[in-house]
Amino acid sequence: MTDLEERIAHLTRTVEDLSDVVARQAGEIATLERRVRLLMERAAEAEAASAGTVPLADQRPPHW
């Protein structure tokens, strides 16, 4: 009986630890999603601002 109680205590501790990890990761994911959204908005704004010009990656170097 004592062995079972020890196993249950260990498993309970493991579940609590994993729950803490999942909660922390959820916060990190939310932060990363906000950052990606902001970066996408900035990229869209930059693309809209340069809509009339050829993208720098598609321009020929000046020595050609």
N, C-alpha and C. Protein backbone atom coordinates (compact mmCIF):
# COMPACT_ATOMS: atom_id res chain seq x y z
N MET A 1 0.82 -1.20 0.00
CA MET A 1 0.00 0.00 0.00
C MET A 1 0.87 1.26 0.00
N THR A 2 1.93 1.23 0.80
CA THR A 2 2.83 2.38 0.86
C THR A 2 3.46 2.64 -0.51
N ASP A 3 3.79 1.56 -1.21
CA ASP A 3 4.40 1.70 -2.55
C ASP A 3 3.44 2.43 -3.49
N LEU A 4 2.17 2.08 -3.44
CA LEU A 4 1.18 2.74 -4.29
C LEU A 4 1.04 4.22 -3.94
N GLU A 5 1.04 4.53 -2.67
CA GLU A 5 0.94 5.93 -2.24
C GLU A 5 2.15 6.73 -2.72
N GLU A 6 3.34 6.12 -2.67
CA GLU A 6 4.54 6.80 -3.16
C GLU A 6 4.46 7.04 -4.66
N ARG A 7 3.98 6.05 -5.38
CA ARG A 7 3.83 6.21 -6.84
C ARG A 7 2.82 7.30 -7.17
N ILE A 8 1.70 7.31 -6.46
CA ILE A 8 0.69 8.34 -6.70
C ILE A 8 1.25 9.73 -6.39
N ALA A 9 2.00 9.84 -5.30
CA ALA A 9 2.61 11.14 -4.96
C ALA A 9 3.58 11.58 -6.04
N HIS A 10 4.37 10.64 -6.54
CA HIS A 10 5.33 10.96 -7.60
C HIS A 10 4.60 11.39 -8.87
N LEU A 11 3.58 10.64 -9.24
CA LEU A 11 2.82 10.98 -10.44
C LEU A 11 2.11 12.31 -10.30
N THR A 12 1.59 12.59 -9.12
CA THR A 12 0.93 13.88 -8.87
C THR A 12 1.92 15.02 -9.05
N ARG A 13 3.11 14.85 -8.51
CA ARG A 13 4.16 15.87 -8.65
C ARG A 13 4.53 16.06 -10.11
N THR A 14 4.65 14.97 -10.85
CA THR A 14 5.00 15.04 -12.26
C THR A 14 3.93 15.78 -13.05
N VAL A 15 2.67 15.49 -12.77
CA VAL A 15 1.57 16.16 -13.46
C VAL A 15 1.58 17.65 -13.15
N GLU A 16 1.83 18.03 -11.93
CA GLU A 16 1.88 19.44 -11.56
C GLU A 16 3.04 20.14 -12.27
N ASP A 17 4.19 19.48 -12.33
CA ASP A 17 5.34 20.05 -13.03
C ASP A 17 5.03 20.25 -14.51
N LEU A 18 4.42 19.24 -15.11
CA LEU A 18 4.08 19.35 -16.53
C LEU A 18 3.03 20.43 -16.77
N SER A 19 2.12 20.57 -15.85
CA SER A 19 1.11 21.63 -15.97
C SER A 19 1.77 23.00 -15.94
N ASP A 20 2.76 23.18 -15.07
CA ASP A 20 3.48 24.45 -15.00
C ASP A 20 4.21 24.74 -16.32
N VAL A 21 4.81 23.69 -16.88
CA VAL A 21 5.54 23.86 -18.14
C VAL A 21 4.58 24.26 -19.26
N VAL A 22 3.44 23.58 -19.33
CA VAL A 22 2.46 23.88 -20.37
C VAL A 22 1.94 25.31 -20.22
N ALA A 23 1.68 25.74 -19.00
CA ALA A 23 1.19 27.10 -18.77
C ALA A 23 2.24 28.12 -19.20
N ARG A 24 3.51 27.88 -18.89
CA ARG A 24 4.58 28.79 -19.29
C ARG A 24 4.70 28.84 -20.80
N GLN A 25 4.63 27.67 -21.44
CA GLN A 25 4.74 27.63 -22.90
C GLN A 25 3.56 28.33 -23.57
N ALA A 26 2.39 28.25 -22.98
CA ALA A 26 1.23 28.95 -23.54
C ALA A 26 1.47 30.45 -23.53
N GLY A 27 2.06 30.96 -22.45
CA GLY A 27 2.38 32.38 -22.39
C GLY A 27 3.41 32.77 -23.42
N GLU A 28 4.43 31.94 -23.59
CA GLU A 28 5.47 32.22 -24.57
C GLU A 28 4.90 32.19 -25.99
N ILE A 29 4.03 31.24 -26.27
CA ILE A 29 3.41 31.15 -27.59
C ILE A 29 2.57 32.39 -27.87
N ALA A 30 1.83 32.84 -26.89
CA ALA A 30 1.01 34.04 -27.07
C ALA A 30 1.89 35.25 -27.39
N THR A 31 3.01 35.37 -26.67
CA THR A 31 3.94 36.47 -26.92
C THR A 31 4.52 36.38 -28.33
N LEU A 32 4.92 35.19 -28.74
CA LEU A 32 5.48 35.01 -30.08
C LEU A 32 4.44 35.28 -31.16
N GLU A 33 3.20 34.89 -30.93
CA GLU A 33 2.15 35.18 -31.91
C GLU A 33 1.96 36.67 -32.08
N ARG A 34 1.99 37.42 -30.97
CA ARG A 34 1.86 38.88 -31.06
C ARG A 34 3.03 39.47 -31.85
N ARG A 35 4.23 38.98 -31.58
CA ARG A 35 5.40 39.51 -32.29
C ARG A 35 5.33 39.21 -33.78
N VAL A 36 4.92 38.01 -34.13
CA VAL A 36 4.81 37.65 -35.54
C VAL A 36 3.76 38.51 -36.22
N ARG A 37 2.63 38.73 -35.55
CA ARG A 37 1.58 39.57 -36.11
C ARG A 37 2.09 40.99 -36.37
N LEU A 38 2.83 41.55 -35.40
CA LEU A 38 3.39 42.89 -35.58
C LEU A 38 4.39 42.93 -36.73
N LEU A 39 5.23 41.91 -36.82
CA LEU A 39 6.20 41.87 -37.92
C LEU A 39 5.50 41.74 -39.27
N MET A 40 4.45 40.96 -39.33
CA MET A 40 3.71 40.83 -40.58
C MET A 40 3.05 42.15 -40.97
N GLU A 41 2.53 42.87 -39.98
CA GLU A 41 1.93 44.18 -40.26
C GLU A 41 2.99 45.15 -40.76
N ARG A 42 4.15 45.15 -40.13
CA ARG A 42 5.23 46.04 -40.58
C ARG A 42 5.68 45.70 -41.99
N ALA A 43 5.79 44.41 -42.29
CA ALA A 43 6.20 44.00 -43.63
C ALA A 43 5.16 44.40 -44.66
N ALA A 44 3.89 44.27 -44.31
CA ALA A 44 2.83 44.67 -45.23
C ALA A 44 2.85 46.18 -45.46
N GLU A 45 3.10 46.95 -44.40
CA GLU A 45 3.19 48.40 -44.55
C GLU A 45 4.38 48.79 -45.42
N ALA A 46 5.50 48.13 -45.22
CA ALA A 46 6.68 48.43 -46.03
C ALA A 46 6.45 48.05 -47.48
N GLU A 47 5.78 46.95 -47.70
CA GLU A 47 5.48 46.53 -49.07
C GLU A 47 4.52 47.50 -49.74
N ALA A 48 3.54 47.96 -49.00
CA ALA A 48 2.58 48.92 -49.55
C ALA A 48 3.25 50.25 -49.85
N ALA A 49 4.19 50.65 -49.03
CA ALA A 49 4.89 51.92 -49.24
C ALA A 49 5.77 51.87 -50.48
N SER A 50 6.29 50.70 -50.79
CA SER A 50 7.16 50.59 -51.96
C SER A 50 6.45 49.91 -53.12
N ALA A 51 5.14 50.04 -53.21
CA ALA A 51 4.35 49.35 -54.24
C ALA A 51 4.72 49.82 -55.64
N GLY A 52 5.12 51.05 -55.81
CA GLY A 52 5.42 51.57 -57.14
C GLY A 52 6.84 51.30 -57.59
N THR A 53 7.67 50.76 -56.74
CA THR A 53 9.06 50.54 -57.11
C THR A 53 9.33 49.04 -57.25
N VAL A 54 10.42 48.73 -57.93
CA VAL A 54 10.86 47.34 -58.08
C VAL A 54 11.52 46.92 -56.77
N PRO A 55 11.16 45.76 -56.24
CA PRO A 55 11.81 45.32 -54.99
C PRO A 55 13.32 45.26 -55.14
N LEU A 56 14.01 45.61 -54.09
CA LEU A 56 15.47 45.68 -54.12
C LEU A 56 16.09 44.35 -54.55
N ALA A 57 15.50 43.26 -54.17
CA ALA A 57 16.03 41.95 -54.54
C ALA A 57 15.93 41.69 -56.03
N ASP A 58 15.00 42.35 -56.72
CA ASP A 58 14.81 42.15 -58.16
C ASP A 58 15.55 43.18 -59.00
N GLN A 59 16.19 44.15 -58.39
CA GLN A 59 16.91 45.17 -59.14
C GLN A 59 18.29 44.66 -59.55
N ARG A 60 18.75 45.12 -60.68
CA ARG A 60 20.10 44.77 -61.12
C ARG A 60 21.10 45.63 -60.38
N PRO A 61 22.25 45.07 -60.06
CA PRO A 61 23.29 45.87 -59.40
C PRO A 61 23.74 47.00 -60.33
N PRO A 62 24.24 48.11 -59.78
CA PRO A 62 24.59 49.26 -60.63
C PRO A 62 25.73 48.99 -61.62
N HIS A 63 26.54 47.99 -61.39
CA HIS A 63 27.68 47.74 -62.29
C HIS A 63 27.29 46.91 -63.50
N TRP A 64 26.04 46.53 -63.66
CA TRP A 64 25.61 45.75 -64.83
C TRP A 64 25.20 46.66 -65.91
